[in-house]
Amino acid sequence: MLAGLGLAYASETITYHYDARGRLIQVEASGTVNNGVMANYSYDKADNRTNVKVNGASGS
């Protein structure tokens, strides 16, 4: 018998946002794992992804 065994469960929701041209512009994470992490994507005139900025990452 495993008395006192505590199990921790992580849950996470990833939300993807697209612009009117169908390009990925933002990814948001919420939940117990990466809560508040957000990535924003930029594009040039030829629709090439040129930059990603990540906010809320702990770095640990």
PDB file of N, CA and C in Angstrom:
ATOM      1  N   MET A   1       0.843  -1.174   0.000  1.00  0.00           N
ATOM      2  CA  MET A   1       0.000   0.000   0.000  1.00  0.00           C
ATOM      3  C   MET A   1       0.889   1.239   0.000  1.00  0.00           C
ATOM      4  N   LEU A   2       0.530   2.207  -0.793  1.00  0.00           N
ATOM      5  CA  LEU A   2       1.288   3.448  -0.884  1.00  0.00           C
ATOM      6  C   LEU A   2       0.529   4.545  -0.145  1.00  0.00           C
ATOM      7  N   ALA A   3       0.751   4.618   1.130  1.00  0.00           N
ATOM      8  CA  ALA A   3       0.060   5.622   1.934  1.00  0.00           C
ATOM      9  C   ALA A   3       0.785   6.956   1.829  1.00  0.00           C
ATOM     10  N   GLY A   4       0.027   8.015   1.736  1.00  0.00           N
ATOM     11  CA  GLY A   4       0.610   9.351   1.722  1.00  0.00           C
ATOM     12  C   GLY A   4       1.284   9.739   0.416  1.00  0.00           C
ATOM     13  N   LEU A   5       1.038   8.975  -0.629  1.00  0.00           N
ATOM     14  CA  LEU A   5       1.642   9.293  -1.919  1.00  0.00           C
ATOM     15  C   LEU A   5       0.847  10.426  -2.566  1.00  0.00           C
ATOM     16  N   GLY A   6       1.521  11.559  -2.746  1.00  0.00           N
ATOM     17  CA  GLY A   6       0.857  12.709  -3.370  1.00  0.00           C
ATOM     18  C   GLY A   6       1.318  12.853  -4.806  1.00  0.00           C
ATOM     19  N   LEU A   7       0.394  12.908  -5.712  1.00  0.00           N
ATOM     20  CA  LEU A   7       0.732  13.066  -7.118  1.00  0.00           C
ATOM     21  C   LEU A   7       0.411  14.484  -7.558  1.00  0.00           C
ATOM     22  N   ALA A   8       1.338  15.080  -8.260  1.00  0.00           N
ATOM     23  CA  ALA A   8       1.116  16.422  -8.796  1.00  0.00           C
ATOM     24  C   ALA A   8       0.871  16.313 -10.294  1.00  0.00           C
ATOM     25  N   TYR A   9      -0.154  16.953 -10.738  1.00  0.00           N
ATOM     26  CA  TYR A   9      -0.482  16.945 -12.156  1.00  0.00           C
ATOM     27  C   TYR A   9      -0.323  18.354 -12.704  1.00  0.00           C
ATOM     28  N   ALA A  10       0.320  18.447 -13.829  1.00  0.00           N
ATOM     29  CA  ALA A  10       0.487  19.735 -14.494  1.00  0.00           C
ATOM     30  C   ALA A  10      -0.510  19.830 -15.639  1.00  0.00           C
ATOM     31  N   SER A  11      -1.036  21.004 -15.814  1.00  0.00           N
ATOM     32  CA  SER A  11      -1.919  21.227 -16.956  1.00  0.00           C
ATOM     33  C   SER A  11      -1.486  22.513 -17.641  1.00  0.00           C
ATOM     34  N   GLU A  12      -1.697  22.557 -18.924  1.00  0.00           N
ATOM     35  CA  GLU A  12      -1.286  23.727 -19.680  1.00  0.00           C
ATOM     36  C   GLU A  12      -2.207  23.897 -20.878  1.00  0.00           C
ATOM     37  N   THR A  13      -2.508  25.136 -21.191  1.00  0.00           N
ATOM     38  CA  THR A  13      -3.285  25.469 -22.376  1.00  0.00           C
ATOM     39  C   THR A  13      -2.434  26.361 -23.261  1.00  0.00           C
ATOM     40  N   ILE A  14      -2.319  26.004 -24.527  1.00  0.00           N
ATOM     41  CA  ILE A  14      -1.591  26.807 -25.504  1.00  0.00           C
ATOM     42  C   ILE A  14      -2.627  27.416 -26.446  1.00  0.00           C
ATOM     43  N   THR A  15      -2.586  28.734 -26.607  1.00  0.00           N
ATOM     44  CA  THR A  15      -3.513  29.443 -27.487  1.00  0.00           C
ATOM     45  C   THR A  15      -2.722  30.084 -28.615  1.00  0.00           C
ATOM     46  N   TYR A  16      -3.153  29.840 -29.837  1.00  0.00           N
ATOM     47  CA  TYR A  16      -2.488  30.367 -31.027  1.00  0.00           C
ATOM     48  C   TYR A  16      -3.351  31.466 -31.636  1.00  0.00           C
ATOM     49  N   HIS A  17      -2.717  32.588 -31.996  1.00  0.00           N
ATOM     50  CA  HIS A  17      -3.414  33.713 -32.623  1.00  0.00           C
ATOM     51  C   HIS A  17      -2.821  33.947 -34.010  1.00  0.00           C
ATOM     52  N   TYR A  18      -3.696  34.205 -34.975  1.00  0.00           N
ATOM     53  CA  TYR A  18      -3.287  34.424 -36.367  1.00  0.00           C
ATOM     54  C   TYR A  18      -3.823  35.763 -36.847  1.00  0.00           C
ATOM     55  N   ASP A  19      -3.107  36.386 -37.782  1.00  0.00           N
ATOM     56  CA  ASP A  19      -3.597  37.626 -38.373  1.00  0.00           C
ATOM     57  C   ASP A  19      -4.526  37.311 -39.545  1.00  0.00           C
ATOM     58  N   ALA A  20      -5.017  38.357 -40.206  1.00  0.00           N
ATOM     59  CA  ALA A  20      -5.969  38.190 -41.314  1.00  0.00           C
ATOM     60  C   ALA A  20      -5.359  37.448 -42.494  1.00  0.00           C
ATOM     61  N   ARG A  21      -4.031  37.410 -42.571  1.00  0.00           N
ATOM     62  CA  ARG A  21      -3.352  36.716 -43.670  1.00  0.00           C
ATOM     63  C   ARG A  21      -3.003  35.270 -43.309  1.00  0.00           C
ATOM     64  N   GLY A  22      -3.413  34.829 -42.123  1.00  0.00           N
ATOM     65  CA  GLY A  22      -3.177  33.454 -41.717  1.00  0.00           C
ATOM     66  C   GLY A  22      -1.808  33.201 -41.114  1.00  0.00           C
ATOM     67  N   ARG A  23      -1.086  34.273 -40.776  1.00  0.00           N
ATOM     68  CA  ARG A  23       0.250  34.118 -40.195  1.00  0.00           C
ATOM     69  C   ARG A  23       0.149  34.044 -38.678  1.00  0.00           C
ATOM     70  N   LEU A  24       0.926  33.167 -38.093  1.00  0.00           N
ATOM     71  CA  LEU A  24       0.985  33.059 -36.640  1.00  0.00           C
ATOM     72  C   LEU A  24       1.591  34.339 -36.088  1.00  0.00           C
ATOM     73  N   ILE A  25       0.874  35.014 -35.186  1.00  0.00           N
ATOM     74  CA  ILE A  25       1.400  36.256 -34.633  1.00  0.00           C
ATOM     75  C   ILE A  25       1.629  36.188 -33.130  1.00  0.00           C
ATOM     76  N   GLN A  26       0.976  35.228 -32.442  1.00  0.00           N
ATOM     77  CA  GLN A  26       1.151  35.151 -30.997  1.00  0.00           C
ATOM     78  C   GLN A  26       0.825  33.751 -30.500  1.00  0.00           C
ATOM     79  N   VAL A  27       1.612  33.299 -29.519  1.00  0.00           N
ATOM     80  CA  VAL A  27       1.359  32.039 -28.834  1.00  0.00           C
ATOM     81  C   VAL A  27       1.356  32.350 -27.344  1.00  0.00           C
ATOM     82  N   GLU A  28       0.291  31.946 -26.653  1.00  0.00           N
ATOM     83  CA  GLU A  28       0.164  32.177 -25.220  1.00  0.00           C
ATOM     84  C   GLU A  28       0.081  30.842 -24.496  1.00  0.00           C
ATOM     85  N   ALA A  29       0.801  30.742 -23.391  1.00  0.00           N
ATOM     86  CA  ALA A  29       0.728  29.549 -22.553  1.00  0.00           C
ATOM     87  C   ALA A  29       0.121  29.935 -21.213  1.00  0.00           C
ATOM     88  N   SER A  30      -0.806  29.121 -20.735  1.00  0.00           N
ATOM     89  CA  SER A  30      -1.390  29.346 -19.417  1.00  0.00           C
ATOM     90  C   SER A  30      -1.571  28.002 -18.738  1.00  0.00           C
ATOM     91  N   GLY A  31      -1.505  28.024 -17.437  1.00  0.00           N
ATOM     92  CA  GLY A  31      -1.646  26.802 -16.665  1.00  0.00           C
ATOM     93  C   GLY A  31      -0.562  26.705 -15.617  1.00  0.00           C
ATOM     94  N   THR A  32      -0.314  25.510 -15.149  1.00  0.00           N
ATOM     95  CA  THR A  32       0.635  25.330 -14.054  1.00  0.00           C
ATOM     96  C   THR A  32       2.081  25.242 -14.509  1.00  0.00           C
ATOM     97  N   VAL A  33       2.330  25.031 -15.784  1.00  0.00           N
ATOM     98  CA  VAL A  33       3.700  24.815 -16.259  1.00  0.00           C
ATOM     99  C   VAL A  33       4.358  26.112 -16.697  1.00  0.00           C
ATOM    100  N   ASN A  34       3.849  26.741 -17.708  1.00  0.00           N
ATOM    101  CA  ASN A  34       4.446  27.953 -18.281  1.00  0.00           C
ATOM    102  C   ASN A  34       3.461  29.113 -18.246  1.00  0.00           C
ATOM    103  N   ASN A  35       2.803  29.317 -17.138  1.00  0.00           N
ATOM    104  CA  ASN A  35       1.760  30.326 -17.044  1.00  0.00           C
ATOM    105  C   ASN A  35       2.302  31.715 -17.359  1.00  0.00           C
ATOM    106  N   GLY A  36       1.660  32.397 -18.277  1.00  0.00           N
ATOM    107  CA  GLY A  36       2.028  33.763 -18.612  1.00  0.00           C
ATOM    108  C   GLY A  36       3.094  33.913 -19.669  1.00  0.00           C
ATOM    109  N   VAL A  37       3.607  32.825 -20.211  1.00  0.00           N
ATOM    110  CA  VAL A  37       4.616  32.926 -21.266  1.00  0.00           C
ATOM    111  C   VAL A  37       3.909  33.249 -22.576  1.00  0.00           C
ATOM    112  N   MET A  38       4.439  34.256 -23.270  1.00  0.00           N
ATOM    113  CA  MET A  38       3.834  34.702 -24.518  1.00  0.00           C
ATOM    114  C   MET A  38       4.931  34.952 -25.545  1.00  0.00           C
ATOM    115  N   ALA A  39       4.723  34.466 -26.757  1.00  0.00           N
ATOM    116  CA  ALA A  39       5.651  34.711 -27.861  1.00  0.00           C
ATOM    117  C   ALA A  39       4.917  35.500 -28.936  1.00  0.00           C
ATOM    118  N   ASN A  40       5.539  36.582 -29.392  1.00  0.00           N
ATOM    119  CA  ASN A  40       4.983  37.427 -30.453  1.00  0.00           C
ATOM    120  C   ASN A  40       5.895  37.350 -31.663  1.00  0.00           C
ATOM    121  N   TYR A  41       5.301  37.183 -32.843  1.00  0.00           N
ATOM    122  CA  TYR A  41       6.057  36.999 -34.080  1.00  0.00           C
ATOM    123  C   TYR A  41       5.866  38.191 -35.005  1.00  0.00           C
ATOM    124  N   SER A  42       6.959  38.578 -35.687  1.00  0.00           N
ATOM    125  CA  SER A  42       6.930  39.666 -36.671  1.00  0.00           C
ATOM    126  C   SER A  42       7.318  39.119 -38.035  1.00  0.00           C
ATOM    127  N   TYR A  43       6.811  39.788 -39.084  1.00  0.00           N
ATOM    128  CA  TYR A  43       7.034  39.347 -40.461  1.00  0.00           C
ATOM    129  C   TYR A  43       7.477  40.526 -41.318  1.00  0.00           C
ATOM    130  N   ASP A  44       8.207  40.217 -42.392  1.00  0.00           N
ATOM    131  CA  ASP A  44       8.555  41.251 -43.364  1.00  0.00           C
ATOM    132  C   ASP A  44       7.483  41.295 -44.455  1.00  0.00           C
ATOM    133  N   LYS A  45       7.681  42.158 -45.440  1.00  0.00           N
ATOM    134  CA  LYS A  45       6.680  42.338 -46.501  1.00  0.00           C
ATOM    135  C   LYS A  45       6.485  41.095 -47.359  1.00  0.00           C
ATOM    136  N   ALA A  46       7.477  40.191 -47.361  1.00  0.00           N
ATOM    137  CA  ALA A  46       7.384  38.952 -48.139  1.00  0.00           C
ATOM    138  C   ALA A  46       6.836  37.797 -47.305  1.00  0.00           C
ATOM    139  N   ASP A  47       6.288  38.105 -46.124  1.00  0.00           N
ATOM    140  CA  ASP A  47       5.704  37.116 -45.208  1.00  0.00           C
ATOM    141  C   ASP A  47       6.720  36.176 -44.578  1.00  0.00           C
ATOM    142  N   ASN A  48       7.984  36.553 -44.549  1.00  0.00           N
ATOM    143  CA  ASN A  48       8.998  35.771 -43.851  1.00  0.00           C
ATOM    144  C   ASN A  48       9.003  36.171 -42.378  1.00  0.00           C
ATOM    145  N   ARG A  49       9.033  35.183 -41.506  1.00  0.00           N
ATOM    146  CA  ARG A  49       9.096  35.479 -40.078  1.00  0.00           C
ATOM    147  C   ARG A  49      10.473  36.061 -39.778  1.00  0.00           C
ATOM    148  N   THR A  50      10.506  37.254 -39.204  1.00  0.00           N
ATOM    149  CA  THR A  50      11.771  37.948 -38.987  1.00  0.00           C
ATOM    150  C   THR A  50      12.163  38.068 -37.528  1.00  0.00           C
ATOM    151  N   ASN A  51      11.205  37.919 -36.617  1.00  0.00           N
ATOM    152  CA  ASN A  51      11.522  38.133 -35.214  1.00  0.00           C
ATOM    153  C   ASN A  51      10.523  37.381 -34.340  1.00  0.00           C
ATOM    154  N   VAL A  52      11.021  36.931 -33.203  1.00  0.00           N
ATOM    155  CA  VAL A  52      10.143  36.392 -32.171  1.00  0.00           C
ATOM    156  C   VAL A  52      10.588  36.988 -30.844  1.00  0.00           C
ATOM    157  N   LYS A  53       9.626  37.486 -30.082  1.00  0.00           N
ATOM    158  CA  LYS A  53       9.906  38.050 -28.769  1.00  0.00           C
ATOM    159  C   LYS A  53       9.120  37.246 -27.749  1.00  0.00           C
ATOM    160  N   VAL A  54       9.831  36.699 -26.763  1.00  0.00           N
ATOM    161  CA  VAL A  54       9.202  35.870 -25.742  1.00  0.00           C
ATOM    162  C   VAL A  54       9.187  36.650 -24.435  1.00  0.00           C
ATOM    163  N   ASN A  55       8.022  36.758 -23.833  1.00  0.00           N
ATOM    164  CA  ASN A  55       7.851  37.434 -22.545  1.00  0.00           C
ATOM    165  C   ASN A  55       7.380  36.433 -21.511  1.00  0.00           C
ATOM    166  N   GLY A  56       7.839  36.611 -20.280  1.00  0.00           N
ATOM    167  CA  GLY A  56       7.354  35.794 -19.188  1.00  0.00           C
ATOM    168  C   GLY A  56       8.139  34.529 -18.939  1.00  0.00           C
ATOM    169  N   ALA A  57       9.166  34.247 -19.746  1.00  0.00           N
ATOM    170  CA  ALA A  57       9.985  33.051 -19.524  1.00  0.00           C
ATOM    171  C   ALA A  57      10.855  33.263 -18.299  1.00  0.00           C
ATOM    172  N   SER A  58      10.930  32.264 -17.449  1.00  0.00           N
ATOM    173  CA  SER A  58      11.694  32.400 -16.208  1.00  0.00           C
ATOM    174  C   SER A  58      13.182  32.217 -16.421  1.00  0.00           C
ATOM    175  N   GLY A  59      13.578  31.476 -17.439  1.00  0.00           N
ATOM    176  CA  GLY A  59      14.992  31.244 -17.701  1.00  0.00           C
ATOM    177  C   GLY A  59      15.630  30.225 -16.793  1.00  0.00           C
ATOM    178  N   SER A  60      14.867  29.596 -15.936  1.00  0.00           N
ATOM    179  CA  SER A  60      15.445  28.606 -15.025  1.00  0.00           C
ATOM    180  C   SER A  60      15.265  27.209 -15.548  1.00  0.00           C
TER     181      SER A  60
END
